[in-house]
N, C-alpha and C. Protein backbone atom coordinates (compact mmCIF):
# COMPACT_ATOMS: atom_id res chain seq x y z
N MET A 1 -13.07 -4.83 15.34
CA MET A 1 -14.29 -4.29 14.73
C MET A 1 -15.14 -5.43 14.19
N LYS A 2 -16.43 -5.43 14.49
CA LYS A 2 -17.32 -6.48 14.04
C LYS A 2 -17.76 -6.21 12.61
N PRO A 3 -17.91 -7.28 11.79
CA PRO A 3 -18.38 -7.10 10.43
C PRO A 3 -19.78 -6.51 10.42
N HIS A 4 -20.07 -5.75 9.39
CA HIS A 4 -21.40 -5.17 9.24
C HIS A 4 -22.38 -6.26 8.82
N ALA A 5 -23.63 -6.03 9.10
CA ALA A 5 -24.65 -7.01 8.74
C ALA A 5 -24.74 -7.17 7.23
N HIS A 6 -24.50 -6.07 6.48
CA HIS A 6 -24.55 -6.13 5.03
C HIS A 6 -23.22 -5.64 4.49
N ALA A 7 -22.76 -6.28 3.43
CA ALA A 7 -21.48 -5.90 2.85
C ALA A 7 -21.58 -4.51 2.26
N LEU A 8 -20.57 -3.71 2.50
CA LEU A 8 -20.48 -2.38 1.92
C LEU A 8 -19.27 -2.37 1.02
N SER A 9 -19.47 -2.11 -0.26
CA SER A 9 -18.36 -2.10 -1.19
C SER A 9 -18.21 -0.72 -1.79
N ILE A 10 -16.97 -0.28 -1.91
CA ILE A 10 -16.70 0.99 -2.57
C ILE A 10 -15.55 0.78 -3.53
N ILE A 11 -15.60 1.41 -4.66
CA ILE A 11 -14.50 1.38 -5.61
C ILE A 11 -14.09 2.82 -5.86
N LEU A 12 -12.84 3.12 -5.59
CA LEU A 12 -12.32 4.47 -5.72
C LEU A 12 -11.32 4.49 -6.86
N VAL A 13 -11.57 5.28 -7.88
CA VAL A 13 -10.70 5.31 -9.04
C VAL A 13 -10.33 6.74 -9.39
N LEU A 14 -9.07 6.97 -9.68
CA LEU A 14 -8.61 8.27 -10.12
C LEU A 14 -8.43 8.23 -11.63
N ILE A 15 -9.14 9.09 -12.35
CA ILE A 15 -9.02 9.12 -13.80
C ILE A 15 -7.82 9.96 -14.22
N THR A 16 -7.72 11.15 -13.67
CA THR A 16 -6.57 12.02 -13.94
C THR A 16 -6.45 13.01 -12.81
N VAL A 17 -5.26 13.45 -12.54
CA VAL A 17 -5.06 14.43 -11.49
C VAL A 17 -4.51 15.74 -12.04
N GLY A 18 -4.36 15.82 -13.34
CA GLY A 18 -3.97 17.09 -13.94
C GLY A 18 -2.54 17.51 -13.67
N VAL A 19 -1.67 16.59 -13.31
CA VAL A 19 -0.27 16.96 -13.05
C VAL A 19 0.67 16.07 -13.86
N GLY A 20 0.25 15.74 -15.05
CA GLY A 20 1.12 15.00 -15.95
C GLY A 20 1.19 13.51 -15.68
N MET A 21 0.21 12.98 -14.97
CA MET A 21 0.22 11.56 -14.65
C MET A 21 -0.58 10.80 -15.70
N ALA A 22 0.09 9.96 -16.47
CA ALA A 22 -0.57 9.21 -17.53
C ALA A 22 -0.89 7.81 -17.03
N ALA A 23 -2.01 7.27 -17.52
CA ALA A 23 -2.42 5.93 -17.08
C ALA A 23 -1.51 4.89 -17.70
N GLU A 24 -0.67 4.25 -16.91
CA GLU A 24 0.22 3.21 -17.40
C GLU A 24 -0.06 1.87 -16.73
N LYS A 25 -0.52 1.92 -15.49
CA LYS A 25 -0.72 0.69 -14.74
C LYS A 25 -1.73 0.93 -13.64
N THR A 26 -2.48 -0.11 -13.29
CA THR A 26 -3.44 -0.01 -12.19
C THR A 26 -3.14 -1.08 -11.16
N MET A 27 -3.07 -0.67 -9.91
CA MET A 27 -2.90 -1.61 -8.79
C MET A 27 -4.25 -1.72 -8.09
N ASN A 28 -4.76 -2.94 -7.95
CA ASN A 28 -6.04 -3.17 -7.30
C ASN A 28 -5.83 -3.61 -5.86
N ILE A 29 -6.52 -2.95 -4.93
CA ILE A 29 -6.43 -3.29 -3.51
C ILE A 29 -7.81 -3.64 -3.00
N THR A 30 -8.01 -4.90 -2.63
CA THR A 30 -9.28 -5.35 -2.05
C THR A 30 -9.11 -5.43 -0.54
N VAL A 31 -9.99 -4.76 0.19
CA VAL A 31 -9.82 -4.61 1.64
C VAL A 31 -10.99 -5.22 2.39
N LYS A 32 -10.67 -6.04 3.40
CA LYS A 32 -11.64 -6.51 4.37
C LYS A 32 -11.16 -6.05 5.74
N GLU A 33 -11.85 -6.41 6.80
CA GLU A 33 -11.54 -5.86 8.12
C GLU A 33 -10.10 -6.10 8.56
N SER A 34 -9.55 -7.27 8.30
CA SER A 34 -8.17 -7.55 8.72
C SER A 34 -7.36 -8.16 7.58
N LEU A 35 -7.81 -7.92 6.34
CA LEU A 35 -7.14 -8.48 5.17
C LEU A 35 -6.96 -7.42 4.10
N SER A 36 -5.86 -7.52 3.36
CA SER A 36 -5.64 -6.68 2.19
C SER A 36 -5.08 -7.55 1.08
N LEU A 37 -5.71 -7.50 -0.08
CA LEU A 37 -5.20 -8.19 -1.27
C LEU A 37 -4.72 -7.12 -2.24
N VAL A 38 -3.44 -7.14 -2.55
CA VAL A 38 -2.84 -6.16 -3.46
C VAL A 38 -2.44 -6.88 -4.74
N GLU A 39 -3.14 -6.57 -5.83
CA GLU A 39 -2.87 -7.19 -7.12
C GLU A 39 -2.10 -6.20 -7.98
N ASN A 40 -0.85 -6.56 -8.24
CA ASN A 40 0.06 -5.65 -8.92
C ASN A 40 0.66 -6.33 -10.14
N GLY A 41 -0.18 -6.55 -11.14
CA GLY A 41 0.30 -7.22 -12.33
C GLY A 41 0.45 -8.71 -12.09
N ARG A 42 1.63 -9.22 -12.41
CA ARG A 42 1.86 -10.67 -12.32
C ARG A 42 1.91 -11.15 -10.88
N ARG A 43 2.51 -10.39 -9.98
CA ARG A 43 2.66 -10.81 -8.58
C ARG A 43 1.65 -10.10 -7.69
N SER A 44 1.06 -10.86 -6.78
CA SER A 44 0.09 -10.30 -5.85
C SER A 44 0.50 -10.63 -4.41
N PHE A 45 -0.01 -9.81 -3.48
CA PHE A 45 0.27 -10.01 -2.07
C PHE A 45 -1.04 -10.02 -1.28
N LEU A 46 -1.13 -10.95 -0.35
CA LEU A 46 -2.28 -10.97 0.56
C LEU A 46 -1.76 -10.81 1.98
N PHE A 47 -2.27 -9.81 2.68
CA PHE A 47 -1.84 -9.51 4.04
C PHE A 47 -2.94 -9.95 5.01
N ASP A 48 -2.59 -10.88 5.89
CA ASP A 48 -3.52 -11.35 6.91
C ASP A 48 -3.07 -10.76 8.24
N TYR A 49 -3.67 -9.63 8.62
CA TYR A 49 -3.22 -8.92 9.81
C TYR A 49 -3.66 -9.62 11.10
N ARG A 50 -4.65 -10.44 11.01
CA ARG A 50 -5.09 -11.16 12.20
C ARG A 50 -4.08 -12.25 12.57
N ALA A 51 -3.55 -12.95 11.55
CA ALA A 51 -2.60 -14.04 11.79
C ALA A 51 -1.15 -13.58 11.72
N GLY A 52 -0.91 -12.37 11.19
CA GLY A 52 0.45 -11.88 11.07
C GLY A 52 1.23 -12.53 9.95
N ASN A 53 0.53 -12.83 8.84
CA ASN A 53 1.17 -13.49 7.70
C ASN A 53 1.01 -12.69 6.42
N LEU A 54 1.97 -12.87 5.53
CA LEU A 54 1.94 -12.27 4.20
C LEU A 54 2.09 -13.40 3.19
N TYR A 55 1.19 -13.44 2.20
CA TYR A 55 1.28 -14.41 1.12
C TYR A 55 1.70 -13.69 -0.15
N SER A 56 2.68 -14.25 -0.83
CA SER A 56 3.13 -13.70 -2.11
C SER A 56 2.92 -14.77 -3.16
N PHE A 57 2.17 -14.45 -4.22
CA PHE A 57 1.91 -15.46 -5.23
C PHE A 57 2.03 -14.91 -6.64
N ASP A 58 2.53 -15.78 -7.51
CA ASP A 58 2.78 -15.45 -8.91
C ASP A 58 1.77 -16.21 -9.76
N GLU A 59 0.89 -15.47 -10.41
CA GLU A 59 -0.18 -16.10 -11.18
C GLU A 59 0.36 -16.94 -12.34
N LYS A 60 1.44 -16.48 -12.96
CA LYS A 60 1.95 -17.16 -14.15
C LYS A 60 2.68 -18.45 -13.80
N SER A 61 3.55 -18.39 -12.82
CA SER A 61 4.34 -19.56 -12.45
C SER A 61 3.60 -20.50 -11.50
N GLY A 62 2.58 -19.97 -10.82
CA GLY A 62 1.85 -20.78 -9.85
C GLY A 62 2.56 -20.93 -8.53
N GLU A 63 3.58 -20.12 -8.29
CA GLU A 63 4.33 -20.19 -7.04
C GLU A 63 3.66 -19.35 -5.96
N CYS A 64 3.70 -19.86 -4.73
CA CYS A 64 3.15 -19.13 -3.59
C CYS A 64 4.09 -19.30 -2.40
N ALA A 65 4.32 -18.21 -1.68
CA ALA A 65 5.17 -18.26 -0.49
C ALA A 65 4.46 -17.54 0.64
N ARG A 66 4.62 -18.07 1.85
CA ARG A 66 4.04 -17.43 3.03
C ARG A 66 5.16 -16.96 3.95
N PHE A 67 5.02 -15.72 4.42
CA PHE A 67 6.01 -15.14 5.32
C PHE A 67 5.31 -14.63 6.57
N SER A 68 5.95 -14.79 7.71
CA SER A 68 5.47 -14.16 8.93
C SER A 68 5.98 -12.73 8.95
N PHE A 69 5.20 -11.81 9.49
CA PHE A 69 5.67 -10.43 9.61
C PHE A 69 6.96 -10.42 10.42
N GLN A 70 7.97 -9.72 9.91
CA GLN A 70 9.29 -9.73 10.54
C GLN A 70 9.60 -8.40 11.21
N VAL A 71 9.98 -8.46 12.49
CA VAL A 71 10.43 -7.27 13.20
C VAL A 71 11.83 -6.93 12.69
N PRO A 72 12.08 -5.68 12.27
CA PRO A 72 13.39 -5.31 11.73
C PRO A 72 14.50 -5.49 12.76
N GLN A 73 15.64 -5.98 12.29
CA GLN A 73 16.79 -6.21 13.15
C GLN A 73 18.00 -5.39 12.68
N LYS A 74 18.76 -4.88 13.59
CA LYS A 74 20.03 -4.21 13.32
C LYS A 74 19.94 -3.27 12.13
N THR A 75 20.77 -3.53 11.08
CA THR A 75 20.83 -2.61 9.94
C THR A 75 19.53 -2.57 9.15
N GLU A 76 18.68 -3.60 9.31
CA GLU A 76 17.40 -3.60 8.60
C GLU A 76 16.57 -2.38 8.96
N LYS A 77 16.76 -1.88 10.18
CA LYS A 77 15.97 -0.75 10.65
C LYS A 77 16.19 0.49 9.79
N PHE A 78 17.36 0.60 9.16
CA PHE A 78 17.64 1.76 8.34
C PHE A 78 16.74 1.79 7.10
N PHE A 79 16.31 0.63 6.65
CA PHE A 79 15.45 0.56 5.46
C PHE A 79 14.00 0.87 5.80
N ASN A 80 13.68 0.93 7.08
CA ASN A 80 12.30 1.14 7.51
C ASN A 80 11.91 2.61 7.63
N SER A 81 12.87 3.50 7.52
CA SER A 81 12.57 4.92 7.71
C SER A 81 11.60 5.41 6.64
N VAL A 82 10.64 6.22 7.07
CA VAL A 82 9.64 6.80 6.15
C VAL A 82 9.50 8.28 6.47
N GLU A 83 9.74 9.12 5.48
CA GLU A 83 9.59 10.56 5.65
C GLU A 83 8.64 11.08 4.58
N THR A 84 7.95 12.15 4.89
CA THR A 84 7.02 12.73 3.92
C THR A 84 7.23 14.22 3.78
N LYS A 85 7.02 14.71 2.56
CA LYS A 85 7.14 16.13 2.27
C LYS A 85 6.02 16.54 1.32
N ASP A 86 5.44 17.70 1.56
CA ASP A 86 4.46 18.23 0.62
C ASP A 86 5.20 18.83 -0.56
N SER A 87 4.84 18.42 -1.77
CA SER A 87 5.53 18.93 -2.96
C SER A 87 5.06 20.31 -3.35
N GLY A 88 3.90 20.73 -2.82
CA GLY A 88 3.34 22.02 -3.19
C GLY A 88 2.40 21.95 -4.37
N GLU A 89 2.32 20.78 -5.03
CA GLU A 89 1.42 20.61 -6.16
C GLU A 89 0.02 20.27 -5.67
N VAL A 90 -0.97 20.94 -6.24
CA VAL A 90 -2.37 20.68 -5.89
C VAL A 90 -3.20 20.66 -7.17
N SER A 91 -4.10 19.70 -7.27
CA SER A 91 -5.03 19.63 -8.39
C SER A 91 -6.43 19.50 -7.83
N VAL A 92 -7.44 19.71 -8.67
CA VAL A 92 -8.83 19.58 -8.24
C VAL A 92 -9.55 18.62 -9.16
N GLU A 93 -10.17 17.61 -8.58
CA GLU A 93 -10.95 16.64 -9.33
C GLU A 93 -12.37 16.64 -8.81
N ASN A 94 -13.33 17.01 -9.67
CA ASN A 94 -14.74 17.05 -9.26
C ASN A 94 -14.95 17.89 -8.01
N GLY A 95 -14.22 18.98 -7.93
CA GLY A 95 -14.35 19.89 -6.80
C GLY A 95 -13.60 19.47 -5.56
N VAL A 96 -12.88 18.35 -5.62
CA VAL A 96 -12.13 17.84 -4.46
C VAL A 96 -10.64 18.04 -4.69
N PRO A 97 -9.93 18.69 -3.77
CA PRO A 97 -8.49 18.89 -3.95
C PRO A 97 -7.70 17.60 -3.82
N VAL A 98 -6.72 17.44 -4.67
CA VAL A 98 -5.80 16.31 -4.62
C VAL A 98 -4.41 16.86 -4.35
N PHE A 99 -3.79 16.42 -3.27
CA PHE A 99 -2.48 16.91 -2.87
C PHE A 99 -1.40 15.93 -3.32
N VAL A 100 -0.28 16.47 -3.72
CA VAL A 100 0.86 15.64 -4.09
C VAL A 100 1.83 15.61 -2.91
N LYS A 101 2.04 14.40 -2.37
CA LYS A 101 2.93 14.26 -1.22
C LYS A 101 4.10 13.34 -1.58
N LYS A 102 5.28 13.81 -1.33
CA LYS A 102 6.49 13.04 -1.63
C LYS A 102 6.86 12.21 -0.40
N VAL A 103 7.05 10.90 -0.62
CA VAL A 103 7.41 10.00 0.47
C VAL A 103 8.79 9.41 0.18
N LEU A 104 9.67 9.51 1.16
CA LEU A 104 11.02 8.98 1.04
C LEU A 104 11.13 7.72 1.89
N PHE A 105 11.31 6.60 1.23
CA PHE A 105 11.43 5.32 1.92
C PHE A 105 12.90 4.93 2.08
N GLY A 106 13.27 4.52 3.29
CA GLY A 106 14.59 3.95 3.53
C GLY A 106 15.76 4.86 3.30
N GLN A 107 15.58 6.17 3.45
CA GLN A 107 16.68 7.10 3.18
C GLN A 107 17.85 6.91 4.14
N LYS A 108 17.58 6.46 5.35
CA LYS A 108 18.66 6.27 6.32
C LYS A 108 19.61 5.16 5.90
N ALA A 109 19.14 4.26 5.03
CA ALA A 109 19.99 3.16 4.56
C ALA A 109 21.07 3.64 3.60
N LEU A 110 20.96 4.88 3.13
CA LEU A 110 21.95 5.41 2.20
C LEU A 110 23.33 5.54 2.83
N VAL A 111 23.41 5.45 4.15
CA VAL A 111 24.73 5.49 4.80
C VAL A 111 25.56 4.27 4.41
N PHE A 112 24.90 3.22 3.90
CA PHE A 112 25.61 2.01 3.48
C PHE A 112 25.91 2.01 1.98
N ARG A 113 25.58 3.11 1.30
CA ARG A 113 25.74 3.16 -0.15
C ARG A 113 27.21 3.13 -0.54
N THR A 114 27.52 2.33 -1.54
CA THR A 114 28.86 2.29 -2.12
C THR A 114 28.72 2.73 -3.57
N VAL A 115 29.04 1.84 -4.50
CA VAL A 115 28.84 2.16 -5.92
C VAL A 115 27.36 2.04 -6.28
N THR A 116 26.70 1.06 -5.66
CA THR A 116 25.28 0.84 -5.92
C THR A 116 24.47 1.13 -4.67
N SER A 117 23.18 1.26 -4.86
CA SER A 117 22.28 1.53 -3.74
C SER A 117 22.16 0.28 -2.87
N PRO A 118 22.10 0.43 -1.54
CA PRO A 118 21.95 -0.73 -0.65
C PRO A 118 20.61 -1.42 -0.86
N VAL A 119 20.59 -2.73 -0.67
CA VAL A 119 19.38 -3.52 -0.90
C VAL A 119 19.14 -4.45 0.28
N LEU A 120 17.89 -4.53 0.70
CA LEU A 120 17.47 -5.47 1.74
C LEU A 120 16.47 -6.44 1.14
N ARG A 121 16.72 -7.73 1.29
CA ARG A 121 15.81 -8.76 0.79
C ARG A 121 14.93 -9.25 1.92
N GLN A 122 13.63 -9.02 1.81
CA GLN A 122 12.69 -9.50 2.82
C GLN A 122 11.32 -9.72 2.18
N TYR A 123 10.59 -10.70 2.67
CA TYR A 123 9.28 -11.07 2.12
C TYR A 123 9.38 -11.44 0.63
N GLY A 124 10.57 -11.88 0.21
CA GLY A 124 10.76 -12.21 -1.20
C GLY A 124 10.87 -11.00 -2.10
N VAL A 125 11.08 -9.83 -1.51
CA VAL A 125 11.13 -8.56 -2.26
C VAL A 125 12.44 -7.85 -1.94
N ASP A 126 13.02 -7.18 -2.94
CA ASP A 126 14.21 -6.36 -2.72
C ASP A 126 13.78 -4.93 -2.39
N PHE A 127 14.18 -4.45 -1.22
CA PHE A 127 13.89 -3.08 -0.79
C PHE A 127 15.16 -2.24 -0.89
N SER A 128 15.03 -1.05 -1.42
CA SER A 128 16.14 -0.11 -1.48
C SER A 128 15.59 1.30 -1.30
N PRO A 129 16.42 2.27 -0.95
CA PRO A 129 15.93 3.64 -0.77
C PRO A 129 15.25 4.15 -2.04
N ARG A 130 14.08 4.76 -1.88
CA ARG A 130 13.31 5.24 -3.04
C ARG A 130 12.47 6.43 -2.66
N THR A 131 12.13 7.22 -3.66
CA THR A 131 11.27 8.38 -3.48
C THR A 131 10.04 8.23 -4.36
N VAL A 132 8.86 8.36 -3.75
CA VAL A 132 7.60 8.16 -4.46
C VAL A 132 6.70 9.37 -4.22
N GLU A 133 6.05 9.85 -5.27
CA GLU A 133 5.09 10.95 -5.14
C GLU A 133 3.68 10.39 -5.19
N TYR A 134 2.92 10.59 -4.14
CA TYR A 134 1.55 10.09 -4.05
C TYR A 134 0.55 11.22 -4.27
N PHE A 135 -0.55 10.88 -4.93
CA PHE A 135 -1.64 11.81 -5.15
C PHE A 135 -2.73 11.49 -4.13
N VAL A 136 -2.91 12.38 -3.18
CA VAL A 136 -3.71 12.10 -1.99
C VAL A 136 -5.02 12.88 -2.01
N ARG A 137 -6.11 12.18 -1.75
CA ARG A 137 -7.43 12.81 -1.71
C ARG A 137 -7.97 12.75 -0.29
N ARG A 138 -8.59 13.83 0.13
CA ARG A 138 -9.17 13.89 1.47
C ARG A 138 -10.61 14.38 1.37
N ASN A 139 -11.51 13.69 2.00
CA ASN A 139 -12.88 14.18 2.14
C ASN A 139 -13.53 13.45 3.30
N ASN A 140 -14.79 13.78 3.58
CA ASN A 140 -15.47 13.22 4.74
C ASN A 140 -16.59 12.27 4.36
N ASP A 141 -16.54 11.72 3.16
CA ASP A 141 -17.55 10.77 2.74
C ASP A 141 -17.50 9.54 3.65
N PRO A 142 -18.65 9.01 4.10
CA PRO A 142 -18.66 7.85 5.00
C PRO A 142 -17.89 6.65 4.47
N ALA A 143 -17.97 6.42 3.16
CA ALA A 143 -17.26 5.27 2.58
C ALA A 143 -15.75 5.44 2.70
N TRP A 144 -15.28 6.64 2.46
CA TRP A 144 -13.86 6.92 2.59
C TRP A 144 -13.44 6.77 4.06
N ASN A 145 -14.27 7.27 4.94
CA ASN A 145 -13.95 7.18 6.36
C ASN A 145 -13.89 5.73 6.84
N GLN A 146 -14.73 4.87 6.25
CA GLN A 146 -14.69 3.45 6.61
C GLN A 146 -13.35 2.84 6.23
N LEU A 147 -12.86 3.20 5.05
CA LEU A 147 -11.57 2.70 4.59
C LEU A 147 -10.45 3.18 5.52
N LEU A 148 -10.53 4.43 5.91
CA LEU A 148 -9.54 4.99 6.83
C LEU A 148 -9.59 4.31 8.19
N GLN A 149 -10.80 3.95 8.62
CA GLN A 149 -10.94 3.29 9.92
C GLN A 149 -10.26 1.92 9.92
N VAL A 150 -10.40 1.19 8.81
CA VAL A 150 -9.72 -0.10 8.70
C VAL A 150 -8.21 0.09 8.79
N ALA A 151 -7.71 1.13 8.12
CA ALA A 151 -6.28 1.41 8.16
C ALA A 151 -5.83 1.75 9.58
N LYS A 152 -6.64 2.50 10.30
CA LYS A 152 -6.30 2.85 11.68
C LYS A 152 -6.27 1.61 12.56
N ASN A 153 -7.19 0.68 12.31
CA ASN A 153 -7.23 -0.55 13.10
C ASN A 153 -5.95 -1.37 12.93
N ASN A 154 -5.32 -1.25 11.76
CA ASN A 154 -4.10 -2.02 11.48
C ASN A 154 -2.83 -1.19 11.61
N GLU A 155 -2.96 0.06 12.03
CA GLU A 155 -1.80 0.96 12.08
C GLU A 155 -0.69 0.41 12.97
N LEU A 156 -1.04 -0.29 14.03
CA LEU A 156 -0.02 -0.84 14.93
C LEU A 156 0.91 -1.80 14.18
N PHE A 157 0.35 -2.56 13.24
CA PHE A 157 1.18 -3.47 12.45
C PHE A 157 2.16 -2.70 11.57
N TYR A 158 1.69 -1.60 10.97
CA TYR A 158 2.56 -0.82 10.10
C TYR A 158 3.68 -0.15 10.89
N GLN A 159 3.40 0.20 12.13
CA GLN A 159 4.42 0.79 12.97
C GLN A 159 5.44 -0.26 13.42
N GLN A 160 4.95 -1.45 13.71
CA GLN A 160 5.84 -2.51 14.18
C GLN A 160 6.62 -3.17 13.04
N PHE A 161 6.00 -3.24 11.86
CA PHE A 161 6.63 -3.85 10.69
C PHE A 161 6.60 -2.84 9.54
N PRO A 162 7.45 -1.83 9.57
CA PRO A 162 7.36 -0.68 8.65
C PRO A 162 7.46 -1.02 7.17
N LEU A 163 8.14 -2.10 6.80
CA LEU A 163 8.27 -2.43 5.39
C LEU A 163 6.92 -2.74 4.75
N LEU A 164 5.94 -3.10 5.56
CA LEU A 164 4.60 -3.39 5.02
C LEU A 164 4.00 -2.17 4.35
N ARG A 165 4.39 -0.97 4.78
CA ARG A 165 3.86 0.25 4.17
C ARG A 165 4.22 0.34 2.69
N GLN A 166 5.34 -0.27 2.32
CA GLN A 166 5.77 -0.20 0.93
C GLN A 166 5.07 -1.24 0.06
N LEU A 167 4.48 -2.25 0.69
CA LEU A 167 3.82 -3.32 -0.06
C LEU A 167 2.31 -3.19 -0.07
N ASP A 168 1.74 -2.70 1.02
CA ASP A 168 0.28 -2.55 1.14
C ASP A 168 -0.05 -1.06 1.23
N PRO A 169 -0.66 -0.48 0.18
CA PRO A 169 -1.00 0.94 0.21
C PRO A 169 -1.90 1.33 1.38
N MET A 170 -2.62 0.37 1.97
CA MET A 170 -3.44 0.68 3.14
C MET A 170 -2.57 1.19 4.29
N GLY A 171 -1.30 0.81 4.30
CA GLY A 171 -0.39 1.24 5.34
C GLY A 171 -0.01 2.70 5.24
N LEU A 172 -0.44 3.38 4.17
CA LEU A 172 -0.10 4.78 3.98
C LEU A 172 -1.26 5.72 4.29
N LEU A 173 -2.46 5.19 4.46
CA LEU A 173 -3.64 6.05 4.63
C LEU A 173 -3.52 6.96 5.84
N VAL A 174 -3.16 6.40 6.98
CA VAL A 174 -3.02 7.21 8.19
C VAL A 174 -1.81 8.12 8.07
N PHE A 175 -0.74 7.58 7.52
CA PHE A 175 0.51 8.33 7.37
C PHE A 175 0.32 9.55 6.47
N LEU A 176 -0.43 9.37 5.37
CA LEU A 176 -0.66 10.45 4.41
C LEU A 176 -1.88 11.29 4.77
N GLN A 177 -2.66 10.84 5.75
CA GLN A 177 -3.89 11.53 6.17
C GLN A 177 -4.86 11.68 5.01
N GLY A 178 -4.98 10.63 4.23
CA GLY A 178 -5.90 10.64 3.10
C GLY A 178 -5.73 9.37 2.29
N ILE A 179 -6.45 9.30 1.16
CA ILE A 179 -6.43 8.13 0.30
C ILE A 179 -5.45 8.35 -0.85
N PRO A 180 -4.40 7.52 -0.99
CA PRO A 180 -3.52 7.65 -2.15
C PRO A 180 -4.20 7.08 -3.39
N LEU A 181 -4.54 7.94 -4.33
CA LEU A 181 -5.25 7.50 -5.53
C LEU A 181 -4.32 7.06 -6.64
N GLY A 182 -3.05 7.37 -6.48
CA GLY A 182 -2.08 6.98 -7.48
C GLY A 182 -0.71 7.46 -7.06
N TYR A 183 0.30 7.06 -7.80
CA TYR A 183 1.65 7.55 -7.49
C TYR A 183 2.52 7.53 -8.74
N ARG A 184 3.60 8.27 -8.66
CA ARG A 184 4.60 8.22 -9.71
C ARG A 184 5.96 8.04 -9.06
N GLU A 185 6.75 7.19 -9.67
CA GLU A 185 8.10 6.91 -9.19
C GLU A 185 9.01 6.87 -10.41
N GLY A 186 9.79 7.91 -10.59
CA GLY A 186 10.57 8.02 -11.81
C GLY A 186 9.65 8.15 -13.01
N ASP A 187 9.80 7.25 -13.98
CA ASP A 187 8.94 7.26 -15.16
C ASP A 187 7.71 6.38 -14.99
N ASN A 188 7.58 5.72 -13.86
CA ASN A 188 6.44 4.83 -13.63
C ASN A 188 5.23 5.60 -13.11
N ARG A 189 4.07 5.31 -13.68
CA ARG A 189 2.82 5.93 -13.26
C ARG A 189 1.83 4.82 -12.92
N VAL A 190 1.31 4.84 -11.70
CA VAL A 190 0.42 3.77 -11.25
C VAL A 190 -0.83 4.37 -10.61
N PHE A 191 -2.00 3.86 -10.98
CA PHE A 191 -3.25 4.24 -10.33
C PHE A 191 -3.57 3.20 -9.27
N LEU A 192 -4.12 3.64 -8.15
CA LEU A 192 -4.53 2.73 -7.08
C LEU A 192 -6.05 2.67 -7.04
N GLN A 193 -6.59 1.48 -7.14
CA GLN A 193 -8.04 1.28 -7.10
C GLN A 193 -8.38 0.44 -5.88
N PHE A 194 -9.14 1.04 -4.94
CA PHE A 194 -9.51 0.37 -3.70
C PHE A 194 -10.92 -0.18 -3.80
N LYS A 195 -11.11 -1.37 -3.24
CA LYS A 195 -12.45 -1.94 -3.09
C LYS A 195 -12.57 -2.45 -1.67
N TYR A 196 -13.59 -1.99 -0.97
CA TYR A 196 -13.80 -2.40 0.43
C TYR A 196 -15.05 -3.26 0.54
N ASP A 197 -14.92 -4.38 1.24
CA ASP A 197 -16.05 -5.28 1.48
C ASP A 197 -15.94 -5.77 2.91
N ALA A 198 -16.93 -5.43 3.73
CA ALA A 198 -16.86 -5.74 5.16
C ALA A 198 -17.10 -7.21 5.47
N SER A 199 -17.63 -7.96 4.52
CA SER A 199 -17.94 -9.37 4.79
C SER A 199 -16.88 -10.28 4.18
N GLY A 200 -17.01 -11.57 4.45
CA GLY A 200 -16.13 -12.54 3.82
C GLY A 200 -14.94 -12.92 4.69
N SER A 201 -14.13 -13.84 4.16
CA SER A 201 -13.00 -14.37 4.91
C SER A 201 -11.78 -14.47 4.02
N ILE A 202 -10.67 -14.95 4.60
CA ILE A 202 -9.43 -15.06 3.86
C ILE A 202 -9.56 -16.05 2.71
N GLU A 203 -10.39 -17.07 2.86
CA GLU A 203 -10.53 -18.08 1.81
C GLU A 203 -11.02 -17.46 0.50
N GLU A 204 -11.79 -16.38 0.60
CA GLU A 204 -12.32 -15.75 -0.60
C GLU A 204 -11.23 -15.04 -1.39
N LEU A 205 -10.16 -14.63 -0.72
CA LEU A 205 -9.09 -13.88 -1.36
C LEU A 205 -7.87 -14.73 -1.67
N LEU A 206 -7.67 -15.80 -0.90
CA LEU A 206 -6.48 -16.62 -1.05
C LEU A 206 -6.64 -17.57 -2.24
N PRO A 207 -5.75 -17.49 -3.23
CA PRO A 207 -5.87 -18.38 -4.40
C PRO A 207 -5.59 -19.83 -4.03
N GLU A 208 -6.00 -20.73 -4.90
CA GLU A 208 -5.84 -22.16 -4.65
C GLU A 208 -4.38 -22.54 -4.44
N ILE A 209 -3.47 -21.87 -5.15
CA ILE A 209 -2.06 -22.24 -5.06
C ILE A 209 -1.47 -21.98 -3.68
N CYS A 210 -2.16 -21.18 -2.87
CA CYS A 210 -1.65 -20.85 -1.53
C CYS A 210 -2.32 -21.64 -0.42
N ARG A 211 -3.29 -22.47 -0.75
CA ARG A 211 -4.04 -23.18 0.29
C ARG A 211 -3.43 -24.53 0.62
């Protein structure tokens, strides 16, 4: 997809969904045509889908690591399973319905469970089976559709490297058929704030410590 002549930026924020979700944390996702920057507190991730690289950087320690997207091997494939279920919960925000969808990550890996849950270390992150409830919004606004189109353009990467769906919320847009505005996992409550800008390059998002 070619960049637009003028940058188009959108910021999508969920204030409340009326289902007991309290504001505890905000995850910021900055999206360009083939890039996603996910800022999640102290640690951030930059996904370069054109080059097939993931950058992980820690603002406090100044550490940065680069990983190539990894095709799952052998038992790793069990951690890649993704299932979704509608919870039946629905809320309305400004006249727009918000659906609660339960996503089960890595449930097939539970066959390896002993006393503790199985863990896979990849991209510098520990992955284990988990259940997350996402608050999903659907509408036909052009700005939302643009964000979905970017996700569709990168969907092949999420299918080939499934663990990316757990790190980059953009990997869930097609899967959830909508925009995840927030999620809850156990006692954790997180809001997702998306910003889309069609212009620019990786240098604008990559911090100095990673260059």
